[in-house]
PDB file of all heavy atoms in Angstrom:
ATOM      1  N   LEU A   1      16.800 103.141  65.489  1.00  0.00           N
ATOM      2  CA  LEU A   1      16.728 101.699  65.250  1.00  0.00           C
ATOM      3  C   LEU A   1      15.299 101.205  65.092  1.00  0.00           C
ATOM      4  O   LEU A   1      15.029 100.292  64.296  1.00  0.00           O
ATOM      5  CB  LEU A   1      17.425 100.948  66.395  1.00  0.00           C
ATOM      6  CG  LEU A   1      18.950 101.066  66.444  1.00  0.00           C
ATOM      7  CD1 LEU A   1      19.491 100.397  67.697  1.00  0.00           C
ATOM      8  CD2 LEU A   1      19.578 100.434  65.202  1.00  0.00           C
ATOM      9  N   VAL A   2      14.359 101.797  65.838  1.00  0.00           N
ATOM     10  CA  VAL A   2      12.955 101.366  65.755  1.00  0.00           C
ATOM     11  C   VAL A   2      12.154 102.223  64.780  1.00  0.00           C
ATOM     12  O   VAL A   2      10.942 102.057  64.655  1.00  0.00           O
ATOM     13  CB  VAL A   2      12.283 101.385  67.148  1.00  0.00           C
ATOM     14  CG1 VAL A   2      13.011 100.457  68.101  1.00  0.00           C
ATOM     15  CG2 VAL A   2      12.213 102.799  67.720  1.00  0.00           C
ATOM     16  N   SER A   3      12.836 103.146  64.092  1.00  0.00           N
ATOM     17  CA  SER A   3      12.184 104.028  63.104  1.00  0.00           C
ATOM     18  C   SER A   3      11.014 104.795  63.715  1.00  0.00           C
ATOM     19  O   SER A   3       9.872 104.713  63.249  1.00  0.00           O
ATOM     20  CB  SER A   3      11.708 103.214  61.893  1.00  0.00           C
ATOM     21  OG  SER A   3      12.779 102.587  61.236  1.00  0.00           O
ATOM     22  N   ASP A   4      11.315 105.540  64.763  1.00  0.00           N
ATOM     23  CA  ASP A   4      10.301 106.372  65.415  1.00  0.00           C
ATOM     24  C   ASP A   4      10.131 107.663  64.619  1.00  0.00           C
ATOM     25  O   ASP A   4      10.787 108.663  64.878  1.00  0.00           O
ATOM     26  CB  ASP A   4      10.733 106.672  66.855  1.00  0.00           C
ATOM     27  CG  ASP A   4       9.685 107.478  67.617  1.00  0.00           C
ATOM     28  OD1 ASP A   4       8.611 107.761  67.039  1.00  0.00           O
ATOM     29  OD2 ASP A   4       9.947 107.843  68.781  1.00  0.00           O
ATOM     30  N   PHE A   5       9.207 107.639  63.662  1.00  0.00           N
ATOM     31  CA  PHE A   5       9.045 108.777  62.767  1.00  0.00           C
ATOM     32  C   PHE A   5       8.264 109.930  63.384  1.00  0.00           C
ATOM     33  O   PHE A   5       7.965 110.908  62.690  1.00  0.00           O
ATOM     34  CB  PHE A   5       8.372 108.328  61.469  1.00  0.00           C
ATOM     35  CG  PHE A   5       9.194 107.351  60.673  1.00  0.00           C
ATOM     36  CD1 PHE A   5       8.638 106.187  60.179  1.00  0.00           C
ATOM     37  CD2 PHE A   5      10.548 107.594  60.446  1.00  0.00           C
ATOM     38  CE1 PHE A   5       9.394 105.293  59.455  1.00  0.00           C
ATOM     39  CE2 PHE A   5      11.316 106.697  59.724  1.00  0.00           C
ATOM     40  CZ  PHE A   5      10.743 105.538  59.225  1.00  0.00           C
ATOM     41  N   SER A   6       7.959 109.832  64.659  1.00  0.00           N
ATOM     42  CA  SER A   6       7.380 110.996  65.343  1.00  0.00           C
ATOM     43  C   SER A   6       8.450 112.047  65.624  1.00  0.00           C
ATOM     44  O   SER A   6       8.141 113.188  65.958  1.00  0.00           O
ATOM     45  CB  SER A   6       6.713 110.572  66.654  1.00  0.00           C
ATOM     46  OG  SER A   6       7.682 110.073  67.575  1.00  0.00           O
ATOM     47  N   ILE A   7       9.719 111.646  65.479  1.00  0.00           N
ATOM     48  CA  ILE A   7      10.856 112.567  65.633  1.00  0.00           C
ATOM     49  C   ILE A   7      11.295 113.016  64.251  1.00  0.00           C
ATOM     50  O   ILE A   7      11.549 112.190  63.368  1.00  0.00           O
ATOM     51  CB  ILE A   7      12.018 111.887  66.384  1.00  0.00           C
ATOM     52  CG1 ILE A   7      11.570 111.466  67.781  1.00  0.00           C
ATOM     53  CG2 ILE A   7      13.224 112.807  66.464  1.00  0.00           C
ATOM     54  CD1 ILE A   7      12.602 110.680  68.556  1.00  0.00           C
ATOM     55  N   HIS A   8      11.404 114.306  64.062  1.00  0.00           N
ATOM     56  CA  HIS A   8      11.670 114.844  62.732  1.00  0.00           C
ATOM     57  C   HIS A   8      13.000 114.353  62.174  1.00  0.00           C
ATOM     58  O   HIS A   8      13.095 114.019  60.982  1.00  0.00           O
ATOM     59  CB  HIS A   8      11.662 116.377  62.770  1.00  0.00           C
ATOM     60  CG  HIS A   8      11.661 117.007  61.406  1.00  0.00           C
ATOM     61  ND1 HIS A   8      10.502 117.241  60.708  1.00  0.00           N
ATOM     62  CD2 HIS A   8      12.677 117.410  60.601  1.00  0.00           C
ATOM     63  CE1 HIS A   8      10.791 117.777  59.533  1.00  0.00           C
ATOM     64  NE2 HIS A   8      12.108 117.892  59.450  1.00  0.00           N
ATOM     65  N   GLN A   9      14.040 114.318  62.995  1.00  0.00           N
ATOM     66  CA  GLN A   9      15.345 113.899  62.494  1.00  0.00           C
ATOM     67  C   GLN A   9      15.328 112.447  62.057  1.00  0.00           C
ATOM     68  O   GLN A   9      15.980 112.083  61.068  1.00  0.00           O
ATOM     69  CB  GLN A   9      16.425 114.121  63.550  1.00  0.00           C
ATOM     70  CG  GLN A   9      17.795 113.639  63.082  1.00  0.00           C
ATOM     71  CD  GLN A   9      18.940 114.212  63.868  1.00  0.00           C
ATOM     72  OE1 GLN A   9      19.096 115.415  63.967  1.00  0.00           O
ATOM     73  NE2 GLN A   9      19.753 113.344  64.437  1.00  0.00           N
ATOM     74  N   VAL A  10      14.606 111.588  62.780  1.00  0.00           N
ATOM     75  CA  VAL A  10      14.506 110.180  62.387  1.00  0.00           C
ATOM     76  C   VAL A  10      13.804 110.062  61.040  1.00  0.00           C
ATOM     77  O   VAL A  10      14.233 109.317  60.156  1.00  0.00           O
ATOM     78  CB  VAL A  10      13.762 109.373  63.462  1.00  0.00           C
ATOM     79  CG1 VAL A  10      13.594 107.915  63.011  1.00  0.00           C
ATOM     80  CG2 VAL A  10      14.496 109.424  64.797  1.00  0.00           C
ATOM     81  N   TRP A  11      12.720 110.812  60.871  1.00  0.00           N
ATOM     82  CA  TRP A  11      11.986 110.781  59.599  1.00  0.00           C
ATOM     83  C   TRP A  11      12.848 111.305  58.446  1.00  0.00           C
ATOM     84  O   TRP A  11      12.818 110.765  57.349  1.00  0.00           O
ATOM     85  CB  TRP A  11      10.712 111.631  59.728  1.00  0.00           C
ATOM     86  CG  TRP A  11       9.949 111.748  58.442  1.00  0.00           C
ATOM     87  CD1 TRP A  11       9.015 110.878  57.958  1.00  0.00           C
ATOM     88  CD2 TRP A  11      10.065 112.798  57.471  1.00  0.00           C
ATOM     89  NE1 TRP A  11       8.545 111.307  56.744  1.00  0.00           N
ATOM     90  CE2 TRP A  11       9.175 112.486  56.411  1.00  0.00           C
ATOM     91  CE3 TRP A  11      10.824 113.962  57.383  1.00  0.00           C
ATOM     92  CZ2 TRP A  11       9.021 113.298  55.296  1.00  0.00           C
ATOM     93  CZ3 TRP A  11      10.686 114.778  56.268  1.00  0.00           C
ATOM     94  CH2 TRP A  11       9.793 114.453  55.244  1.00  0.00           C
ATOM     95  N   GLU A  12      13.654 112.337  58.727  1.00  0.00           N
ATOM     96  CA  GLU A  12      14.412 112.990  57.670  1.00  0.00           C
ATOM     97  C   GLU A  12      15.653 112.214  57.250  1.00  0.00           C
ATOM     98  O   GLU A  12      16.055 112.259  56.082  1.00  0.00           O
ATOM     99  CB  GLU A  12      14.823 114.392  58.121  1.00  0.00           C
ATOM    100  CG  GLU A  12      15.460 115.235  57.033  1.00  0.00           C
ATOM    101  CD  GLU A  12      15.709 116.664  57.455  1.00  0.00           C
ATOM    102  OE1 GLU A  12      15.480 116.990  58.650  1.00  0.00           O
ATOM    103  OE2 GLU A  12      16.138 117.471  56.613  1.00  0.00           O
ATOM    104  N   TYR A  13      16.274 111.464  58.183  1.00  0.00           N
ATOM    105  CA  TYR A  13      17.548 110.815  57.872  1.00  0.00           C
ATOM    106  C   TYR A  13      17.504 109.296  58.012  1.00  0.00           C
ATOM    107  O   TYR A  13      18.553 108.660  58.128  1.00  0.00           O
ATOM    108  CB  TYR A  13      18.645 111.369  58.786  1.00  0.00           C
ATOM    109  CG  TYR A  13      18.922 112.831  58.557  1.00  0.00           C
ATOM    110  CD1 TYR A  13      18.463 113.793  59.458  1.00  0.00           C
ATOM    111  CD2 TYR A  13      19.610 113.269  57.438  1.00  0.00           C
ATOM    112  CE1 TYR A  13      18.699 115.141  59.245  1.00  0.00           C
ATOM    113  CE2 TYR A  13      19.855 114.613  57.208  1.00  0.00           C
ATOM    114  CZ  TYR A  13      19.391 115.537  58.119  1.00  0.00           C
ATOM    115  OH  TYR A  13      19.629 116.872  57.896  1.00  0.00           O
ATOM    116  N   SER A  14      16.319 108.725  57.988  1.00  0.00           N
ATOM    117  CA  SER A  14      16.218 107.277  58.105  1.00  0.00           C
ATOM    118  C   SER A  14      15.028 106.771  57.301  1.00  0.00           C
ATOM    119  O   SER A  14      14.222 107.550  56.796  1.00  0.00           O
ATOM    120  CB  SER A  14      16.071 106.867  59.577  1.00  0.00           C
ATOM    121  OG  SER A  14      16.064 105.462  59.698  1.00  0.00           O
ATOM    122  N   GLY A  15      14.945 105.461  57.171  1.00  0.00           N
ATOM    123  CA  GLY A  15      13.845 104.839  56.457  1.00  0.00           C
ATOM    124  C   GLY A  15      13.616 103.439  56.977  1.00  0.00           C
ATOM    125  O   GLY A  15      14.551 102.772  57.443  1.00  0.00           O
ATOM    126  N   GLY A  16      12.398 102.992  56.926  1.00  0.00           N
ATOM    127  CA  GLY A  16      12.070 101.671  57.455  1.00  0.00           C
ATOM    128  C   GLY A  16      12.706 100.529  56.691  1.00  0.00           C
ATOM    129  O   GLY A  16      12.822  99.414  57.209  1.00  0.00           O
ATOM    130  N   ASP A  17      13.152 100.768  55.451  1.00  0.00           N
ATOM    131  CA  ASP A  17      13.723  99.710  54.623  1.00  0.00           C
ATOM    132  C   ASP A  17      15.239  99.601  54.758  1.00  0.00           C
ATOM    133  O   ASP A  17      15.855  98.751  54.125  1.00  0.00           O
ATOM    134  CB  ASP A  17      13.364  99.956  53.155  1.00  0.00           C
ATOM    135  CG  ASP A  17      13.896 101.292  52.638  1.00  0.00           C
ATOM    136  OD1 ASP A  17      14.052 102.210  53.474  1.00  0.00           O
ATOM    137  OD2 ASP A  17      14.146 101.405  51.425  1.00  0.00           O
ATOM    138  N   LEU A  18      15.848 100.456  55.574  1.00  0.00           N
ATOM    139  CA  LEU A  18      17.312 100.454  55.708  1.00  0.00           C
ATOM    140  C   LEU A  18      17.778  99.379  56.678  1.00  0.00           C
ATOM    141  O   LEU A  18      17.052  98.991  57.604  1.00  0.00           O
ATOM    142  CB  LEU A  18      17.797 101.821  56.202  1.00  0.00           C
ATOM    143  CG  LEU A  18      17.545 103.019  55.288  1.00  0.00           C
ATOM    144  CD1 LEU A  18      18.043 104.298  55.963  1.00  0.00           C
ATOM    145  CD2 LEU A  18      18.230 102.842  53.937  1.00  0.00           C
ATOM    146  N   ASP A  19      19.012  98.909  56.475  1.00  0.00           N
ATOM    147  CA  ASP A  19      19.632  98.003  57.439  1.00  0.00           C
ATOM    148  C   ASP A  19      19.869  98.748  58.745  1.00  0.00           C
ATOM    149  O   ASP A  19      19.967  99.977  58.779  1.00  0.00           O
ATOM    150  CB  ASP A  19      20.960  97.477  56.901  1.00  0.00           C
ATOM    151  CG  ASP A  19      20.771  96.567  55.696  1.00  0.00           C
ATOM    152  OD1 ASP A  19      19.724  95.912  55.616  1.00  0.00           O
ATOM    153  OD2 ASP A  19      21.666  96.538  54.824  1.00  0.00           O
ATOM    154  N   TRP A  20      20.024  97.995  59.833  1.00  0.00           N
ATOM    155  CA  TRP A  20      20.125  98.612  61.159  1.00  0.00           C
ATOM    156  C   TRP A  20      21.324  99.555  61.259  1.00  0.00           C
ATOM    157  O   TRP A  20      21.242 100.601  61.889  1.00  0.00           O
ATOM    158  CB  TRP A  20      20.202  97.528  62.241  1.00  0.00           C
ATOM    159  CG  TRP A  20      21.470  96.731  62.241  1.00  0.00           C
ATOM    160  CD1 TRP A  20      21.712  95.570  61.605  1.00  0.00           C
ATOM    161  CD2 TRP A  20      22.687  97.077  62.923  1.00  0.00           C
ATOM    162  NE1 TRP A  20      23.002  95.142  61.825  1.00  0.00           N
ATOM    163  CE2 TRP A  20      23.615  96.041  62.643  1.00  0.00           C
ATOM    164  CE3 TRP A  20      23.078  98.129  63.743  1.00  0.00           C
ATOM    165  CZ2 TRP A  20      24.912  96.049  63.145  1.00  0.00           C
ATOM    166  CZ3 TRP A  20      24.375  98.147  64.243  1.00  0.00           C
ATOM    167  CH2 TRP A  20      25.274  97.116  63.952  1.00  0.00           C
ATOM    168  N   TRP A  21      22.439  99.202  60.621  1.00  0.00           N
ATOM    169  CA  TRP A  21      23.634 100.038  60.743  1.00  0.00           C
ATOM    170  C   TRP A  21      23.485 101.329  59.948  1.00  0.00           C
ATOM    171  O   TRP A  21      24.053 102.358  60.322  1.00  0.00           O
ATOM    172  CB  TRP A  21      24.874  99.268  60.338  1.00  0.00           C
ATOM    173  CG  TRP A  21      24.830  98.652  58.968  1.00  0.00           C
ATOM    174  CD1 TRP A  21      24.293  97.437  58.624  1.00  0.00           C
ATOM    175  CD2 TRP A  21      25.338  99.214  57.764  1.00  0.00           C
ATOM    176  NE1 TRP A  21      24.438  97.214  57.280  1.00  0.00           N
ATOM    177  CE2 TRP A  21      25.082  98.279  56.719  1.00  0.00           C
ATOM    178  CE3 TRP A  21      26.014 100.392  57.457  1.00  0.00           C
ATOM    179  CZ2 TRP A  21      25.460  98.505  55.400  1.00  0.00           C
ATOM    180  CZ3 TRP A  21      26.397 100.634  56.143  1.00  0.00           C
ATOM    181  CH2 TRP A  21      26.119  99.700  55.139  1.00  0.00           C
ATOM    182  N   LEU A  22      22.687 101.309  58.882  1.00  0.00           N
ATOM    183  CA  LEU A  22      22.409 102.532  58.160  1.00  0.00           C
ATOM    184  C   LEU A  22      21.417 103.406  58.930  1.00  0.00           C
ATOM    185  O   LEU A  22      21.515 104.630  58.910  1.00  0.00           O
ATOM    186  CB  LEU A  22      21.861 102.212  56.767  1.00  0.00           C
ATOM    187  CG  LEU A  22      22.885 101.765  55.724  1.00  0.00           C
ATOM    188  CD1 LEU A  22      22.197 101.358  54.430  1.00  0.00           C
ATOM    189  CD2 LEU A  22      23.904 102.865  55.470  1.00  0.00           C
ATOM    190  N   LYS A  23      20.481 102.759  59.610  1.00  0.00           N
ATOM    191  CA  LYS A  23      19.566 103.523  60.464  1.00  0.00           C
ATOM    192  C   LYS A  23      20.355 104.241  61.556  1.00  0.00           C
ATOM    193  O   LYS A  23      20.124 105.415  61.844  1.00  0.00           O
ATOM    194  CB  LYS A  23      18.526 102.600  61.099  1.00  0.00           C
ATOM    195  CG  LYS A  23      17.482 102.046  60.149  1.00  0.00           C
ATOM    196  CD  LYS A  23      16.477 101.192  60.903  1.00  0.00           C
ATOM    197  CE  LYS A  23      15.401 100.668  59.987  1.00  0.00           C
ATOM    198  NZ  LYS A  23      14.411  99.837  60.712  1.00  0.00           N
ATOM    199  N   LEU A  24      21.295 103.515  62.147  1.00  0.00           N
ATOM    200  CA  LEU A  24      22.117 104.101  63.212  1.00  0.00           C
ATOM    201  C   LEU A  24      22.963 105.242  62.674  1.00  0.00           C
ATOM    202  O   LEU A  24      23.193 106.245  63.368  1.00  0.00           O
ATOM    203  CB  LEU A  24      23.006 103.022  63.827  1.00  0.00           C
ATOM    204  CG  LEU A  24      23.498 103.240  65.261  1.00  0.00           C
ATOM    205  CD1 LEU A  24      22.330 103.375  66.213  1.00  0.00           C
ATOM    206  CD2 LEU A  24      24.394 102.091  65.686  1.00  0.00           C
ATOM    207  N   SER A  25      23.417 105.131  61.435  1.00  0.00           N
ATOM    208  CA  SER A  25      24.229 106.191  60.828  1.00  0.00           C
ATOM    209  C   SER A  25      23.452 107.487  60.698  1.00  0.00           C
ATOM    210  O   SER A  25      24.040 108.576  60.696  1.00  0.00           O
ATOM    211  CB  SER A  25      24.719 105.752  59.444  1.00  0.00           C
ATOM    212  OG  SER A  25      25.516 104.594  59.527  1.00  0.00           O
ATOM    213  N   GLY A  26      22.136 107.385  60.588  1.00  0.00           N
ATOM    214  CA  GLY A  26      21.313 108.584  60.495  1.00  0.00           C
ATOM    215  C   GLY A  26      21.365 109.435  61.744  1.00  0.00           C
ATOM    216  O   GLY A  26      21.057 110.635  61.704  1.00  0.00           O
ATOM    217  N   ALA A  27      21.799 108.842  62.870  1.00  0.00           N
ATOM    218  CA  ALA A  27      21.849 109.583  64.132  1.00  0.00           C
ATOM    219  C   ALA A  27      22.865 110.710  64.078  1.00  0.00           C
ATOM    220  O   ALA A  27      22.741 111.703  64.812  1.00  0.00           O
ATOM    221  CB  ALA A  27      22.174 108.639  65.292  1.00  0.00           C
ATOM    222  N   TRP A  28      23.888 110.575  63.243  1.00  0.00           N
ATOM    223  CA  TRP A  28      24.881 111.654  63.117  1.00  0.00           C
ATOM    224  C   TRP A  28      24.896 112.248  61.712  1.00  0.00           C
ATOM    225  O   TRP A  28      25.851 112.905  61.306  1.00  0.00           O
ATOM    226  CB  TRP A  28      26.285 111.165  63.501  1.00  0.00           C
ATOM    227  CG  TRP A  28      26.689 109.876  62.863  1.00  0.00           C
ATOM    228  CD1 TRP A  28      27.064 109.664  61.562  1.00  0.00           C
ATOM    229  CD2 TRP A  28      26.769 108.603  63.506  1.00  0.00           C
ATOM    230  NE1 TRP A  28      27.374 108.350  61.359  1.00  0.00           N
ATOM    231  CE2 TRP A  28      27.208 107.665  62.536  1.00  0.00           C
ATOM    232  CE3 TRP A  28      26.531 108.155  64.818  1.00  0.00           C
ATOM    233  CZ2 TRP A  28      27.392 106.315  62.825  1.00  0.00           C
ATOM    234  CZ3 TRP A  28      26.713 106.819  65.099  1.00  0.00           C
ATOM    235  CH2 TRP A  28      27.137 105.917  64.114  1.00  0.00           C
ATOM    236  N   ALA A  29      23.820 112.019  60.954  1.00  0.00           N
ATOM    237  CA  ALA A  29      23.749 112.563  59.598  1.00  0.00           C
ATOM    238  C   ALA A  29      23.310 114.028  59.598  1.00  0.00           C
ATOM    239  O   ALA A  29      23.742 114.808  58.758  1.00  0.00           O
ATOM    240  CB  ALA A  29      22.797 111.735  58.738  1.00  0.00           C
ATOM    241  N   GLY A  30      22.444 114.407  60.539  1.00  0.00           N
ATOM    242  CA  GLY A  30      21.944 115.774  60.591  1.00  0.00           C
ATOM    243  C   GLY A  30      22.778 116.660  61.496  1.00  0.00           C
ATOM    244  O   GLY A  30      23.670 116.187  62.215  1.00  0.00           O
ATOM    245  N   ARG A  31      22.475 117.949  61.481  1.00  0.00           N
ATOM    246  CA  ARG A  31      23.238 118.921  62.280  1.00  0.00           C
ATOM    247  C   ARG A  31      23.107 118.656  63.773  1.00  0.00           C
ATOM    248  O   ARG A  31      24.109 118.505  64.484  1.00  0.00           O
ATOM    249  CB  ARG A  31      22.772 120.343  61.960  1.00  0.00           C
ATOM    250  CG  ARG A  31      23.528 121.420  62.725  1.00  0.00           C
ATOM    251  CD  ARG A  31      23.010 122.802  62.411  1.00  0.00           C
ATOM    252  NE  ARG A  31      21.623 122.965  62.802  1.00  0.00           N
ATOM    253  CZ  ARG A  31      20.616 123.158  61.952  1.00  0.00           C
ATOM    254  NH1 ARG A  31      20.859 123.208  60.658  1.00  0.00           N
ATOM    255  NH2 ARG A  31      19.374 123.300  62.379  1.00  0.00           N
ATOM    256  N   SER A  32      21.876 118.582  64.259  1.00  0.00           N
ATOM    257  CA  SER A  32      21.677 118.411  65.704  1.00  0.00           C
ATOM    258  C   SER A  32      22.163 117.049  66.178  1.00  0.00           C
ATOM    259  O   SER A  32      22.713 116.923  67.280  1.00  0.00           O
ATOM    260  CB  SER A  32      20.201 118.611  66.058  1.00  0.00           C
ATOM    261  OG  SER A  32      19.382 117.701  65.352  1.00  0.00           O
ATOM    262  N   GLY A  33      21.981 116.011  65.343  1.00  0.00           N
ATOM    263  CA  GLY A  33      22.446 114.684  65.733  1.00  0.00           C
ATOM    264  C   GLY A  33      23.953 114.604  65.829  1.00  0.00           C
ATOM    265  O   GLY A  33      24.493 113.968  66.743  1.00  0.00           O
ATOM    266  N   SER A  34      24.649 115.253  64.904  1.00  0.00           N
ATOM    267  CA  SER A  34      26.114 115.232  64.932  1.00  0.00           C
ATOM    268  C   SER A  34      26.659 116.027  66.113  1.00  0.00           C
ATOM    269  O   SER A  34      27.624 115.613  66.765  1.00  0.00           O
ATOM    270  CB  SER A  34      26.680 115.778  63.618  1.00  0.00           C
ATOM    271  OG  SER A  34      26.241 117.095  63.377  1.00  0.00           O
ATOM    272  N   ILE A  35      26.029 117.160  66.426  1.00  0.00           N
ATOM    273  CA  ILE A  35      26.447 117.939  67.599  1.00  0.00           C
ATOM    274  C   ILE A  35      26.201 117.147  68.875  1.00  0.00           C
ATOM    275  O   ILE A  35      27.017 117.155  69.800  1.00  0.00           O
ATOM    276  CB  ILE A  35      25.709 119.288  67.646  1.00  0.00           C
ATOM    277  CG1 ILE A  35      26.158 120.175  66.478  1.00  0.00           C
ATOM    278  CG2 ILE A  35      25.964 120.013  68.970  1.00  0.00           C
ATOM    279  CD1 ILE A  35      25.433 121.497  66.394  1.00  0.00           C
ATOM    280  N   MET A  36      25.069 116.442  68.907  1.00  0.00           N
ATOM    281  CA  MET A  36      24.738 115.610  70.069  1.00  0.00           C
ATOM    282  C   MET A  36      25.807 114.534  70.280  1.00  0.00           C
ATOM    283  O   MET A  36      26.304 114.335  71.402  1.00  0.00           O
ATOM    284  CB  MET A  36      23.368 114.965  69.829  1.00  0.00           C
ATOM    285  CG  MET A  36      22.987 113.922  70.847  1.00  0.00           C
ATOM    286  SD  MET A  36      22.271 114.646  72.313  1.00  0.00           S
ATOM    287  CE  MET A  36      21.652 113.172  73.107  1.00  0.00           C
ATOM    288  N   PHE A  37      26.167 113.841  69.206  1.00  0.00           N
ATOM    289  CA  PHE A  37      27.155 112.766  69.308  1.00  0.00           C
ATOM    290  C   PHE A  37      28.520 113.319  69.708  1.00  0.00           C
ATOM    291  O   PHE A  37      29.218 112.732  70.547  1.00  0.00           O
ATOM    292  CB  PHE A  37      27.243 112.043  67.965  1.00  0.00           C
ATOM    293  CG  PHE A  37      28.070 110.793  67.994  1.00  0.00           C
ATOM    294  CD1 PHE A  37      27.784 109.774  68.882  1.00  0.00           C
ATOM    295  CD2 PHE A  37      29.147 110.628  67.126  1.00  0.00           C
ATOM    296  CE1 PHE A  37      28.545 108.612  68.913  1.00  0.00           C
ATOM    297  CE2 PHE A  37      29.915 109.486  67.151  1.00  0.00           C
ATOM    298  CZ  PHE A  37      29.615 108.468  68.041  1.00  0.00           C
ATOM    299  N   TRP A  38      28.899 114.446  69.149  1.00  0.00           N
ATOM    300  CA  TRP A  38      30.169 115.096  69.480  1.00  0.00           C
ATOM    301  C   TRP A  38      30.198 115.499  70.947  1.00  0.00           C
ATOM    302  O   TRP A  38      31.185 115.259  71.659  1.00  0.00           O
ATOM    303  CB  TRP A  38      30.346 116.312  68.564  1.00  0.00           C
ATOM    304  CG  TRP A  38      31.653 117.022  68.672  1.00  0.00           C
ATOM    305  CD1 TRP A  38      32.745 116.666  69.417  1.00  0.00           C
ATOM    306  CD2 TRP A  38      32.013 118.233  67.999  1.00  0.00           C
ATOM    307  NE1 TRP A  38      33.752 117.571  69.255  1.00  0.00           N
ATOM    308  CE2 TRP A  38      33.346 118.539  68.384  1.00  0.00           C
ATOM    309  CE3 TRP A  38      31.349 119.074  67.112  1.00  0.00           C
ATOM    310  CZ2 TRP A  38      34.002 119.674  67.913  1.00  0.00           C
ATOM    311  CZ3 TRP A  38      32.016 120.197  66.635  1.00  0.00           C
ATOM    312  CH2 TRP A  38      33.321 120.484  67.033  1.00  0.00           C
ATOM    313  N   THR A  39      29.115 116.100  71.416  1.00  0.00           N
ATOM    314  CA  THR A  39      29.044 116.523  72.817  1.00  0.00           C
ATOM    315  C   THR A  39      29.143 115.337  73.750  1.00  0.00           C
ATOM    316  O   THR A  39      29.844 115.381  74.770  1.00  0.00           O
ATOM    317  CB  THR A  39      27.726 117.278  73.076  1.00  0.00           C
ATOM    318  OG1 THR A  39      27.585 118.338  72.131  1.00  0.00           O
ATOM    319  CG2 THR A  39      27.690 117.839  74.489  1.00  0.00           C
ATOM    320  N   TRP A  40      28.437 114.263  73.400  1.00  0.00           N
ATOM    321  CA  TRP A  40      28.477 113.068  74.254  1.00  0.00           C
ATOM    322  C   TRP A  40      29.890 112.512  74.337  1.00  0.00           C
ATOM    323  O   TRP A  40      30.340 112.097  75.412  1.00  0.00           O
ATOM    324  CB  TRP A  40      27.526 112.003  73.709  1.00  0.00           C
ATOM    325  CG  TRP A  40      27.595 110.725  74.492  1.00  0.00           C
ATOM    326  CD1 TRP A  40      27.124 110.507  75.766  1.00  0.00           C
ATOM    327  CD2 TRP A  40      28.202 109.497  74.077  1.00  0.00           C
ATOM    328  NE1 TRP A  40      27.410 109.210  76.162  1.00  0.00           N
ATOM    329  CE2 TRP A  40      28.062 108.574  75.145  1.00  0.00           C
ATOM    330  CE3 TRP A  40      28.837 109.093  72.903  1.00  0.00           C
ATOM    331  CZ2 TRP A  40      28.543 107.274  75.059  1.00  0.00           C
ATOM    332  CZ3 TRP A  40      29.323 107.786  72.834  1.00  0.00           C
ATOM    333  CH2 TRP A  40      29.168 106.894  73.904  1.00  0.00           C
ATOM    334  N   LEU A  41      30.624 112.505  73.230  1.00  0.00           N
ATOM    335  CA  LEU A  41      31.993 112.000  73.240  1.00  0.00           C
ATOM    336  C   LEU A  41      32.912 112.880  74.090  1.00  0.00           C
ATOM    337  O   LEU A  41      33.808 112.370  74.763  1.00  0.00           O
ATOM    338  CB  LEU A  41      32.525 111.919  71.804  1.00  0.00           C
ATOM    339  CG  LEU A  41      31.940 110.801  70.937  1.00  0.00           C
ATOM    340  CD1 LEU A  41      32.403 110.949  69.498  1.00  0.00           C
ATOM    341  CD2 LEU A  41      32.318 109.433  71.478  1.00  0.00           C
ATOM    342  N   ILE A  42      32.682 114.189  74.076  1.00  0.00           N
ATOM    343  CA  ILE A  42      33.476 115.085  74.926  1.00  0.00           C
ATOM    344  C   ILE A  42      33.235 114.766  76.397  1.00  0.00           C
ATOM    345  O   ILE A  42      34.172 114.608  77.189  1.00  0.00           O
ATOM    346  CB  ILE A  42      33.144 116.561  74.639  1.00  0.00           C
ATOM    347  CG1 ILE A  42      33.610 116.970  73.243  1.00  0.00           C
ATOM    348  CG2 ILE A  42      33.800 117.481  75.684  1.00  0.00           C
ATOM    349  CD1 ILE A  42      33.215 118.381  72.856  1.00  0.00           C
TER     350      ILE A  42
END
């Protein structure tokens, strides 16, 4: 949400010009982010 580009996944799957909900969608766009979200739901 704050576009912390010091994190590789944030830099790779997000952009400062995106709406907040698209930024949030980037959290499960990559491999590690999707596994993280899946694990948290379990």
